[in-house]
Each structure stands twice: as C-alpha cells, then as structure tokens.
Amino acid sequence: MAKQNSEEGRGKQILVGAAILATLTVLVVGLLVGWRLIPGWVGESVGMVAGILSTPFFMEGSYVVIGLLIVLGLNTWRRRKEGDEFVEIETGGKDSTGNPDVK
C-alpha cells in the first residue's frame, strides 16, 4: 500500500514538473514569435525581453533566474500546504551524564 502511494506521488511530481516546463516553453516561444504584434512601448519592451532571453550569454542566466524563482515558489507553496516543519525531540528525562533532569 505504501509503495502504491509513493508511486502516485512520484507520478504527480513528474506531471507537475512537465507542466511547468511545457508552460515555460509555450511562453518563451510565444514571446519570441508574437512580440512584433504588440503595439507601442509595451511591444518594444517585450521585444527587448525576448532579445535578452534569446541572446546566448544572457539566455543561460535568465533561465537560471527563472528556474530559481520556480523552485522557490514551489517550495513556499509546499511549506504552506504541509505546515510547520518544527519537530520537538523528547530527551527521556535524563541529561547527557545519565542523571535525571532537574527543573
């Protein structure tokens, strides 16, 4: 039973990752193809961003920043969903020398 839940969780993680990559691919390709259709200074700004995203040196850096933002966003979402990670460990009533704790 536990193995089945683990496999379902792994499949969900793969599906979420694939959806993020597909969305990013569609956005970048749409940006590169369609920025000329946007009028005014917005179109010029989008064109400049598209140029930066497609320049070899800046492309790697921009994808690192986008990837970092995705990882931080997913981690923040997961922490809010799962709650606090603080765990209190009981010591069993004795200190490191074996004597009972005195409060």
PDB file of N, CA and C in Angstrom:
ATOM      1  N   MET A   1       0.821  -1.196   0.000  1.00  0.00           N
ATOM      2  CA  MET A   1       0.000   0.000   0.000  1.00  0.00           C
ATOM      3  C   MET A   1       0.863   1.257   0.000  1.00  0.00           C
ATOM      4  N   ALA A   2       1.930   1.243   0.810  1.00  0.00           N
ATOM      5  CA  ALA A   2       2.793   2.423   0.888  1.00  0.00           C
ATOM      6  C   ALA A   2       3.536   2.646  -0.425  1.00  0.00           C
ATOM      7  N   LYS A   3       3.907   1.552  -1.094  1.00  0.00           N
ATOM      8  CA  LYS A   3       4.611   1.683  -2.356  1.00  0.00           C
ATOM      9  C   LYS A   3       3.704   2.295  -3.427  1.00  0.00           C
ATOM     10  N   GLN A   4       2.419   1.943  -3.410  1.00  0.00           N
ATOM     11  CA  GLN A   4       1.478   2.492  -4.376  1.00  0.00           C
ATOM     12  C   GLN A   4       1.324   3.998  -4.171  1.00  0.00           C
ATOM     13  N   ASN A   5       1.203   4.447  -2.914  1.00  0.00           N
ATOM     14  CA  ASN A   5       1.104   5.879  -2.633  1.00  0.00           C
ATOM     15  C   ASN A   5       2.364   6.615  -3.047  1.00  0.00           C
ATOM     16  N   SER A   6       3.520   5.978  -2.852  1.00  0.00           N
ATOM     17  CA  SER A   6       4.783   6.577  -3.255  1.00  0.00           C
ATOM     18  C   SER A   6       4.853   6.744  -4.769  1.00  0.00           C
ATOM     19  N   GLU A   7       4.396   5.721  -5.495  1.00  0.00           N
ATOM     20  CA  GLU A   7       4.401   5.792  -6.956  1.00  0.00           C
ATOM     21  C   GLU A   7       3.425   6.851  -7.462  1.00  0.00           C
ATOM     22  N   GLU A   8       2.270   6.988  -6.790  1.00  0.00           N
ATOM     23  CA  GLU A   8       1.308   8.024  -7.173  1.00  0.00           C
ATOM     24  C   GLU A   8       1.898   9.406  -6.927  1.00  0.00           C
ATOM     25  N   GLY A   9       2.593   9.577  -5.809  1.00  0.00           N
ATOM     26  CA  GLY A   9       3.238  10.854  -5.504  1.00  0.00           C
ATOM     27  C   GLY A   9       4.326  11.190  -6.514  1.00  0.00           C
ATOM     28  N   ARG A  10       5.103  10.189  -6.907  1.00  0.00           N
ATOM     29  CA  ARG A  10       6.172  10.401  -7.891  1.00  0.00           C
ATOM     30  C   ARG A  10       5.574  10.781  -9.237  1.00  0.00           C
ATOM     31  N   GLY A  11       4.498  10.116  -9.632  1.00  0.00           N
ATOM     32  CA  GLY A  11       3.833  10.449 -10.891  1.00  0.00           C
ATOM     33  C   GLY A  11       3.289  11.864 -10.888  1.00  0.00           C
ATOM     34  N   LYS A  12       2.743  12.284  -9.750  1.00  0.00           N
ATOM     35  CA  LYS A  12       2.222  13.650  -9.627  1.00  0.00           C
ATOM     36  C   LYS A  12       3.353  14.663  -9.723  1.00  0.00           C
ATOM     37  N   GLN A  13       4.506  14.368  -9.105  1.00  0.00           N
ATOM     38  CA  GLN A  13       5.659  15.262  -9.185  1.00  0.00           C
ATOM     39  C   GLN A  13       6.152  15.388 -10.620  1.00  0.00           C
ATOM     40  N   ILE A  14       6.208  14.284 -11.331  1.00  0.00           N
ATOM     41  CA  ILE A  14       6.654  14.310 -12.726  1.00  0.00           C
ATOM     42  C   ILE A  14       5.673  15.105 -13.575  1.00  0.00           C
ATOM     43  N   LEU A  15       4.377  14.924 -13.322  1.00  0.00           N
ATOM     44  CA  LEU A  15       3.359  15.652 -14.073  1.00  0.00           C
ATOM     45  C   LEU A  15       3.457  17.162 -13.818  1.00  0.00           C
ATOM     46  N   VAL A  16       3.662  17.561 -12.572  1.00  0.00           N
ATOM     47  CA  VAL A  16       3.801  18.986 -12.245  1.00  0.00           C
ATOM     48  C   VAL A  16       5.050  19.565 -12.911  1.00  0.00           C
ATOM     49  N   GLY A  17       6.158  18.846 -12.848  1.00  0.00           N
ATOM     50  CA  GLY A  17       7.390  19.309 -13.488  1.00  0.00           C
ATOM     51  C   GLY A  17       7.246  19.443 -14.997  1.00  0.00           C
ATOM     52  N   ALA A  18       6.606  18.461 -15.618  1.00  0.00           N
ATOM     53  CA  ALA A  18       6.389  18.517 -17.066  1.00  0.00           C
ATOM     54  C   ALA A  18       5.467  19.675 -17.436  1.00  0.00           C
ATOM     55  N   ALA A  19       4.454  19.939 -16.606  1.00  0.00           N
ATOM     56  CA  ALA A  19       3.542  21.060 -16.876  1.00  0.00           C
ATOM     57  C   ALA A  19       4.267  22.395 -16.767  1.00  0.00           C
ATOM     58  N   ILE A  20       5.156  22.528 -15.796  1.00  0.00           N
ATOM     59  CA  ILE A  20       5.929  23.768 -15.655  1.00  0.00           C
ATOM     60  C   ILE A  20       6.833  23.968 -16.864  1.00  0.00           C
ATOM     61  N   LEU A  21       7.532  22.914 -17.278  1.00  0.00           N
ATOM     62  CA  LEU A  21       8.416  23.031 -18.445  1.00  0.00           C
ATOM     63  C   LEU A  21       7.633  23.330 -19.722  1.00  0.00           C
ATOM     64  N   ALA A  22       6.481  22.693 -19.900  1.00  0.00           N
ATOM     65  CA  ALA A  22       5.665  22.943 -21.094  1.00  0.00           C
ATOM     66  C   ALA A  22       5.141  24.375 -21.101  1.00  0.00           C
ATOM     67  N   THR A  23       4.698  24.866 -19.942  1.00  0.00           N
ATOM     68  CA  THR A  23       4.209  26.240 -19.853  1.00  0.00           C
ATOM     69  C   THR A  23       5.312  27.228 -20.159  1.00  0.00           C
ATOM     70  N   LEU A  24       6.498  26.995 -19.600  1.00  0.00           N
ATOM     71  CA  LEU A  24       7.636  27.879 -19.862  1.00  0.00           C
ATOM     72  C   LEU A  24       8.009  27.867 -21.339  1.00  0.00           C
ATOM     73  N   THR A  25       7.988  26.689 -21.954  1.00  0.00           N
ATOM     74  CA  THR A  25       8.309  26.587 -23.382  1.00  0.00           C
ATOM     75  C   THR A  25       7.303  27.353 -24.232  1.00  0.00           C
ATOM     76  N   VAL A  26       6.020  27.192 -23.933  1.00  0.00           N
ATOM     77  CA  VAL A  26       4.980  27.899 -24.692  1.00  0.00           C
ATOM     78  C   VAL A  26       5.113  29.410 -24.516  1.00  0.00           C
ATOM     79  N   LEU A  27       5.386  29.859 -23.302  1.00  0.00           N
ATOM     80  CA  LEU A  27       5.532  31.303 -23.064  1.00  0.00           C
ATOM     81  C   LEU A  27       6.727  31.892 -23.809  1.00  0.00           C
ATOM     82  N   VAL A  28       7.862  31.214 -23.765  1.00  0.00           N
ATOM     83  CA  VAL A  28       9.060  31.745 -24.428  1.00  0.00           C
ATOM     84  C   VAL A  28       8.884  31.740 -25.943  1.00  0.00           C
ATOM     85  N   VAL A  29       8.354  30.642 -26.496  1.00  0.00           N
ATOM     86  CA  VAL A  29       8.139  30.583 -27.943  1.00  0.00           C
ATOM     87  C   VAL A  29       7.093  31.613 -28.368  1.00  0.00           C
ATOM     88  N   GLY A  30       6.020  31.737 -27.603  1.00  0.00           N
ATOM     89  CA  GLY A  30       5.013  32.756 -27.906  1.00  0.00           C
ATOM     90  C   GLY A  30       5.576  34.157 -27.831  1.00  0.00           C
ATOM     91  N   LEU A  31       6.452  34.392 -26.869  1.00  0.00           N
ATOM     92  CA  LEU A  31       7.099  35.696 -26.729  1.00  0.00           C
ATOM     93  C   LEU A  31       8.000  35.989 -27.930  1.00  0.00           C
ATOM     94  N   LEU A  32       8.783  34.999 -28.338  1.00  0.00           N
ATOM     95  CA  LEU A  32       9.698  35.205 -29.466  1.00  0.00           C
ATOM     96  C   LEU A  32       8.961  35.396 -30.791  1.00  0.00           C
ATOM     97  N   VAL A  33       7.829  34.713 -30.965  1.00  0.00           N
ATOM     98  CA  VAL A  33       7.089  34.802 -32.212  1.00  0.00           C
ATOM     99  C   VAL A  33       6.143  36.004 -32.230  1.00  0.00           C
ATOM    100  N   GLY A  34       5.508  36.294 -31.109  1.00  0.00           N
ATOM    101  CA  GLY A  34       4.428  37.264 -31.129  1.00  0.00           C
ATOM    102  C   GLY A  34       4.717  38.664 -30.635  1.00  0.00           C
ATOM    103  N   TRP A  35       5.959  38.971 -30.232  1.00  0.00           N
ATOM    104  CA  TRP A  35       6.200  40.296 -29.671  1.00  0.00           C
ATOM    105  C   TRP A  35       6.030  41.411 -30.695  1.00  0.00           C
ATOM    106  N   ARG A  36       6.176  41.093 -31.960  1.00  0.00           N
ATOM    107  CA  ARG A  36       6.036  42.122 -33.005  1.00  0.00           C
ATOM    108  C   ARG A  36       4.580  42.564 -33.192  1.00  0.00           C
ATOM    109  N   LEU A  37       3.634  41.771 -32.712  1.00  0.00           N
ATOM    110  CA  LEU A  37       2.220  42.081 -32.874  1.00  0.00           C
ATOM    111  C   LEU A  37       1.687  43.006 -31.784  1.00  0.00           C
ATOM    112  N   ILE A  38       2.474  43.243 -30.739  1.00  0.00           N
ATOM    113  CA  ILE A  38       2.030  44.092 -29.626  1.00  0.00           C
ATOM    114  C   ILE A  38       2.407  45.539 -29.950  1.00  0.00           C
ATOM    115  N   PRO A  39       1.443  46.461 -29.947  1.00  0.00           N
ATOM    116  CA  PRO A  39       1.743  47.838 -30.334  1.00  0.00           C
ATOM    117  C   PRO A  39       2.363  48.661 -29.188  1.00  0.00           C
ATOM    118  N   GLY A  40       3.062  49.734 -29.561  1.00  0.00           N
ATOM    119  CA  GLY A  40       3.532  50.725 -28.595  1.00  0.00           C
ATOM    120  C   GLY A  40       4.747  50.308 -27.802  1.00  0.00           C
ATOM    121  N   TRP A  41       4.925  51.014 -26.682  1.00  0.00           N
ATOM    122  CA  TRP A  41       6.102  50.780 -25.861  1.00  0.00           C
ATOM    123  C   TRP A  41       6.063  49.416 -25.185  1.00  0.00           C
ATOM    124  N   VAL A  42       4.864  48.853 -25.008  1.00  0.00           N
ATOM    125  CA  VAL A  42       4.763  47.513 -24.427  1.00  0.00           C
ATOM    126  C   VAL A  42       5.388  46.498 -25.380  1.00  0.00           C
ATOM    127  N   GLY A  43       5.087  46.641 -26.676  1.00  0.00           N
ATOM    128  CA  GLY A  43       5.674  45.753 -27.675  1.00  0.00           C
ATOM    129  C   GLY A  43       7.184  45.890 -27.741  1.00  0.00           C
ATOM    130  N   GLU A  44       7.680  47.136 -27.641  1.00  0.00           N
ATOM    131  CA  GLU A  44       9.125  47.343 -27.638  1.00  0.00           C
ATOM    132  C   GLU A  44       9.774  46.727 -26.404  1.00  0.00           C
ATOM    133  N   SER A  45       9.116  46.852 -25.260  1.00  0.00           N
ATOM    134  CA  SER A  45       9.650  46.264 -24.027  1.00  0.00           C
ATOM    135  C   SER A  45       9.663  44.742 -24.105  1.00  0.00           C
ATOM    136  N   VAL A  46       8.577  44.175 -24.599  1.00  0.00           N
ATOM    137  CA  VAL A  46       8.503  42.727 -24.742  1.00  0.00           C
ATOM    138  C   VAL A  46       9.553  42.244 -25.740  1.00  0.00           C
ATOM    139  N   GLY A  47       9.774  43.018 -26.804  1.00  0.00           N
ATOM    140  CA  GLY A  47      10.804  42.678 -27.774  1.00  0.00           C
ATOM    141  C   GLY A  47      12.190  42.702 -27.165  1.00  0.00           C
ATOM    142  N   MET A  48      12.435  43.665 -26.279  1.00  0.00           N
ATOM    143  CA  MET A  48      13.734  43.738 -25.614  1.00  0.00           C
ATOM    144  C   MET A  48      13.924  42.516 -24.699  1.00  0.00           C
ATOM    145  N   VAL A  49      12.880  42.149 -23.962  1.00  0.00           N
ATOM    146  CA  VAL A  49      12.965  40.969 -23.094  1.00  0.00           C
ATOM    147  C   VAL A  49      13.173  39.713 -23.948  1.00  0.00           C
ATOM    148  N   ALA A  50      12.483  39.624 -25.069  1.00  0.00           N
ATOM    149  CA  ALA A  50      12.648  38.475 -25.964  1.00  0.00           C
ATOM    150  C   ALA A  50      14.074  38.416 -26.499  1.00  0.00           C
ATOM    151  N   GLY A  51      14.640  39.579 -26.803  1.00  0.00           N
ATOM    152  CA  GLY A  51      16.027  39.617 -27.255  1.00  0.00           C
ATOM    153  C   GLY A  51      16.992  39.152 -26.184  1.00  0.00           C
ATOM    154  N   ILE A  52      16.753  39.560 -24.956  1.00  0.00           N
ATOM    155  CA  ILE A  52      17.621  39.128 -23.852  1.00  0.00           C
ATOM    156  C   ILE A  52      17.491  37.635 -23.625  1.00  0.00           C
ATOM    157  N   LEU A  53      16.258  37.133 -23.683  1.00  0.00           N
ATOM    158  CA  LEU A  53      16.044  35.704 -23.467  1.00  0.00           C
ATOM    159  C   LEU A  53      16.651  34.847 -24.575  1.00  0.00           C
ATOM    160  N   SER A  54      16.862  35.414 -25.747  1.00  0.00           N
ATOM    161  CA  SER A  54      17.403  34.615 -26.850  1.00  0.00           C
ATOM    162  C   SER A  54      18.878  34.891 -27.129  1.00  0.00           C
ATOM    163  N   THR A  55      19.509  35.802 -26.398  1.00  0.00           N
ATOM    164  CA  THR A  55      20.939  36.047 -26.551  1.00  0.00           C
ATOM    165  C   THR A  55      21.693  34.957 -25.788  1.00  0.00           C
ATOM    166  N   PRO A  56      22.682  34.313 -26.424  1.00  0.00           N
ATOM    167  CA  PRO A  56      23.320  33.143 -25.790  1.00  0.00           C
ATOM    168  C   PRO A  56      23.849  33.385 -24.375  1.00  0.00           C
ATOM    169  N   PHE A  57      24.551  34.458 -24.118  1.00  0.00           N
ATOM    170  CA  PHE A  57      25.121  34.661 -22.785  1.00  0.00           C
ATOM    171  C   PHE A  57      24.048  34.940 -21.752  1.00  0.00           C
ATOM    172  N   PHE A  58      23.088  35.793 -22.100  1.00  0.00           N
ATOM    173  CA  PHE A  58      22.042  36.160 -21.148  1.00  0.00           C
ATOM    174  C   PHE A  58      20.967  35.092 -21.015  1.00  0.00           C
ATOM    175  N   MET A  59      20.846  34.246 -22.040  1.00  0.00           N
ATOM    176  CA  MET A  59      19.806  33.217 -22.015  1.00  0.00           C
ATOM    177  C   MET A  59      20.021  32.263 -20.844  1.00  0.00           C
ATOM    178  N   GLU A  60      21.252  31.801 -20.648  1.00  0.00           N
ATOM    179  CA  GLU A  60      21.523  30.878 -19.545  1.00  0.00           C
ATOM    180  C   GLU A  60      21.232  31.537 -18.205  1.00  0.00           C
ATOM    181  N   GLY A  61      21.663  32.777 -18.059  1.00  0.00           N
ATOM    182  CA  GLY A  61      21.424  33.487 -16.809  1.00  0.00           C
ATOM    183  C   GLY A  61      19.955  33.724 -16.543  1.00  0.00           C
ATOM    184  N   SER A  62      19.205  34.088 -17.590  1.00  0.00           N
ATOM    185  CA  SER A  62      17.777  34.330 -17.389  1.00  0.00           C
ATOM    186  C   SER A  62      17.045  33.033 -17.049  1.00  0.00           C
ATOM    187  N   TYR A  63      17.461  31.911 -17.642  1.00  0.00           N
ATOM    188  CA  TYR A  63      16.829  30.641 -17.302  1.00  0.00           C
ATOM    189  C   TYR A  63      17.211  30.179 -15.897  1.00  0.00           C
ATOM    190  N   VAL A  64      18.413  30.515 -15.446  1.00  0.00           N
ATOM    191  CA  VAL A  64      18.787  30.207 -14.063  1.00  0.00           C
ATOM    192  C   VAL A  64      17.891  30.977 -13.102  1.00  0.00           C
ATOM    193  N   VAL A  65      17.672  32.259 -13.391  1.00  0.00           N
ATOM    194  CA  VAL A  65      16.814  33.078 -12.531  1.00  0.00           C
ATOM    195  C   VAL A  65      15.379  32.560 -12.565  1.00  0.00           C
ATOM    196  N   ILE A  66      14.860  32.238 -13.751  1.00  0.00           N
ATOM    197  CA  ILE A  66      13.505  31.703 -13.859  1.00  0.00           C
ATOM    198  C   ILE A  66      13.392  30.379 -13.109  1.00  0.00           C
ATOM    199  N   GLY A  67      14.381  29.497 -13.264  1.00  0.00           N
ATOM    200  CA  GLY A  67      14.372  28.218 -12.555  1.00  0.00           C
ATOM    201  C   GLY A  67      14.430  28.391 -11.052  1.00  0.00           C
ATOM    202  N   LEU A  68      15.256  29.328 -10.590  1.00  0.00           N
ATOM    203  CA  LEU A  68      15.343  29.596  -9.156  1.00  0.00           C
ATOM    204  C   LEU A  68      14.018  30.117  -8.613  1.00  0.00           C
ATOM    205  N   LEU A  69      13.369  30.995  -9.360  1.00  0.00           N
ATOM    206  CA  LEU A  69      12.069  31.510  -8.935  1.00  0.00           C
ATOM    207  C   LEU A  69      11.016  30.399  -8.884  1.00  0.00           C
ATOM    208  N   ILE A  70      11.062  29.485  -9.840  1.00  0.00           N
ATOM    209  CA  ILE A  70      10.125  28.361  -9.841  1.00  0.00           C
ATOM    210  C   ILE A  70      10.364  27.467  -8.626  1.00  0.00           C
ATOM    211  N   VAL A  71      11.632  27.151  -8.344  1.00  0.00           N
ATOM    212  CA  VAL A  71      11.947  26.299  -7.194  1.00  0.00           C
ATOM    213  C   VAL A  71      11.536  26.963  -5.890  1.00  0.00           C
ATOM    214  N   LEU A  72      11.840  28.245  -5.730  1.00  0.00           N
ATOM    215  CA  LEU A  72      11.461  28.960  -4.511  1.00  0.00           C
ATOM    216  C   LEU A  72       9.942  29.045  -4.371  1.00  0.00           C
ATOM    217  N   GLY A  73       9.249  29.282  -5.472  1.00  0.00           N
ATOM    218  CA  GLY A  73       7.796  29.347  -5.435  1.00  0.00           C
ATOM    219  C   GLY A  73       7.169  28.012  -5.055  1.00  0.00           C
ATOM    220  N   LEU A  74       7.663  26.926  -5.646  1.00  0.00           N
ATOM    221  CA  LEU A  74       7.128  25.605  -5.313  1.00  0.00           C
ATOM    222  C   LEU A  74       7.433  25.233  -3.864  1.00  0.00           C
ATOM    223  N   ASN A  75       8.628  25.584  -3.387  1.00  0.00           N
ATOM    224  CA  ASN A  75       8.974  25.280  -2.003  1.00  0.00           C
ATOM    225  C   ASN A  75       8.110  26.070  -1.034  1.00  0.00           C
ATOM    226  N   THR A  76       7.851  27.338  -1.329  1.00  0.00           N
ATOM    227  CA  THR A  76       6.982  28.150  -0.478  1.00  0.00           C
ATOM    228  C   THR A  76       5.567  27.588  -0.468  1.00  0.00           C
ATOM    229  N   TRP A  77       5.076  27.199  -1.628  1.00  0.00           N
ATOM    230  CA  TRP A  77       3.737  26.614  -1.727  1.00  0.00           C
ATOM    231  C   TRP A  77       3.660  25.312  -0.922  1.00  0.00           C
ATOM    232  N   ARG A  78       4.690  24.462  -1.035  1.00  0.00           N
ATOM    233  CA  ARG A  78       4.714  23.193  -0.310  1.00  0.00           C
ATOM    234  C   ARG A  78       4.762  23.420   1.197  1.00  0.00           C
ATOM    235  N   ARG A  79       5.564  24.378   1.648  1.00  0.00           N
ATOM    236  CA  ARG A  79       5.664  24.647   3.084  1.00  0.00           C
ATOM    237  C   ARG A  79       4.352  25.183   3.648  1.00  0.00           C
ATOM    238  N   ARG A  80       3.645  26.011   2.882  1.00  0.00           N
ATOM    239  CA  ARG A  80       2.343  26.500   3.336  1.00  0.00           C
ATOM    240  C   ARG A  80       1.315  25.369   3.385  1.00  0.00           C
ATOM    241  N   LYS A  81       1.408  24.464   2.426  1.00  0.00           N
ATOM    242  CA  LYS A  81       0.457  23.354   2.357  1.00  0.00           C
ATOM    243  C   LYS A  81       0.701  22.346   3.475  1.00  0.00           C
ATOM    244  N   GLU A  82       1.959  21.993   3.747  1.00  0.00           N
ATOM    245  CA  GLU A  82       2.288  20.950   4.714  1.00  0.00           C
ATOM    246  C   GLU A  82       2.400  21.482   6.138  1.00  0.00           C
ATOM    247  N   GLY A  83       2.558  22.768   6.323  1.00  0.00           N
ATOM    248  CA  GLY A  83       2.632  23.321   7.669  1.00  0.00           C
ATOM    249  C   GLY A  83       4.059  23.431   8.173  1.00  0.00           C
ATOM    250  N   ASP A  84       4.170  23.692   9.469  1.00  0.00           N
ATOM    251  CA  ASP A  84       5.451  23.930  10.107  1.00  0.00           C
ATOM    252  C   ASP A  84       6.285  22.645  10.148  1.00  0.00           C
ATOM    253  N   GLU A  85       7.585  22.770   9.900  1.00  0.00           N
ATOM    254  CA  GLU A  85       8.468  21.614   9.901  1.00  0.00           C
ATOM    255  C   GLU A  85       9.158  21.420  11.250  1.00  0.00           C
ATOM    256  N   PHE A  86       8.842  22.241  12.236  1.00  0.00           N
ATOM    257  CA  PHE A  86       9.491  22.159  13.530  1.00  0.00           C
ATOM    258  C   PHE A  86       9.075  20.879  14.235  1.00  0.00           C
ATOM    259  N   VAL A  87      10.067  20.122  14.683  1.00  0.00           N
ATOM    260  CA  VAL A  87       9.816  18.878  15.392  1.00  0.00           C
ATOM    261  C   VAL A  87      10.519  18.963  16.738  1.00  0.00           C
ATOM    262  N   GLU A  88       9.799  18.613  17.814  1.00  0.00           N
ATOM    263  CA  GLU A  88      10.388  18.618  19.151  1.00  0.00           C
ATOM    264  C   GLU A  88      10.768  17.197  19.519  1.00  0.00           C
ATOM    265  N   ILE A  89      12.016  17.004  19.932  1.00  0.00           N
ATOM    266  CA  ILE A  89      12.514  15.681  20.281  1.00  0.00           C
ATOM    267  C   ILE A  89      12.555  15.571  21.797  1.00  0.00           C
ATOM    268  N   GLU A  90      11.943  14.524  22.331  1.00  0.00           N
ATOM    269  CA  GLU A  90      11.970  14.305  23.775  1.00  0.00           C
ATOM    270  C   GLU A  90      13.279  13.628  24.147  1.00  0.00           C
ATOM    271  N   THR A  91      13.854  14.053  25.276  1.00  0.00           N
ATOM    272  CA  THR A  91      15.143  13.510  25.698  1.00  0.00           C
ATOM    273  C   THR A  91      15.019  12.349  26.659  1.00  0.00           C
ATOM    274  N   GLY A  92      13.849  12.043  27.129  1.00  0.00           N
ATOM    275  CA  GLY A  92      13.658  10.915  28.012  1.00  0.00           C
ATOM    276  C   GLY A  92      13.870  11.233  29.480  1.00  0.00           C
ATOM    277  N   GLY A  93      14.007  12.507  29.836  1.00  0.00           N
ATOM    278  CA  GLY A  93      14.098  12.885  31.231  1.00  0.00           C
ATOM    279  C   GLY A  93      15.483  12.810  31.822  1.00  0.00           C
ATOM    280  N   LYS A  94      16.510  12.542  31.020  1.00  0.00           N
ATOM    281  CA  LYS A  94      17.877  12.473  31.550  1.00  0.00           C
ATOM    282  C   LYS A  94      18.787  13.375  30.723  1.00  0.00           C
ATOM    283  N   ASP A  95      19.799  13.926  31.395  1.00  0.00           N
ATOM    284  CA  ASP A  95      20.758  14.745  30.649  1.00  0.00           C
ATOM    285  C   ASP A  95      21.848  13.835  30.075  1.00  0.00           C
ATOM    286  N   SER A  96      22.903  14.420  29.519  1.00  0.00           N
ATOM    287  CA  SER A  96      23.923  13.631  28.843  1.00  0.00           C
ATOM    288  C   SER A  96      24.733  12.760  29.794  1.00  0.00           C
ATOM    289  N   THR A  97      24.757  13.066  31.106  1.00  0.00           N
ATOM    290  CA  THR A  97      25.516  12.253  32.065  1.00  0.00           C
ATOM    291  C   THR A  97      24.688  11.099  32.618  1.00  0.00           C
ATOM    292  N   GLY A  98      23.428  11.030  32.304  1.00  0.00           N
ATOM    293  CA  GLY A  98      22.573   9.958  32.783  1.00  0.00           C
ATOM    294  C   GLY A  98      21.772  10.325  34.019  1.00  0.00           C
ATOM    295  N   ASN A  99      21.993  11.534  34.558  1.00  0.00           N
ATOM    296  CA  ASN A  99      21.238  11.993  35.714  1.00  0.00           C
ATOM    297  C   ASN A  99      19.890  12.538  35.282  1.00  0.00           C
ATOM    298  N   PRO A 100      18.857  12.379  36.125  1.00  0.00           N
ATOM    299  CA  PRO A 100      17.540  12.926  35.769  1.00  0.00           C
ATOM    300  C   PRO A 100      17.594  14.446  35.650  1.00  0.00           C
ATOM    301  N   ASP A 101      16.800  14.983  34.725  1.00  0.00           N
ATOM    302  CA  ASP A 101      16.720  16.433  34.543  1.00  0.00           C
ATOM    303  C   ASP A 101      16.090  17.059  35.770  1.00  0.00           C
ATOM    304  N   VAL A 102      16.664  18.182  36.208  1.00  0.00           N
ATOM    305  CA  VAL A 102      16.117  18.922  37.332  1.00  0.00           C
ATOM    306  C   VAL A 102      15.721  20.289  36.813  1.00  0.00           C
ATOM    307  N   LYS A 103      14.464  20.651  37.002  1.00  0.00           N
ATOM    308  CA  LYS A 103      13.989  21.947  36.511  1.00  0.00           C
ATOM    309  C   LYS A 103      13.707  22.859  37.633  1.00  0.00           C
TER     310      LYS A 103
END
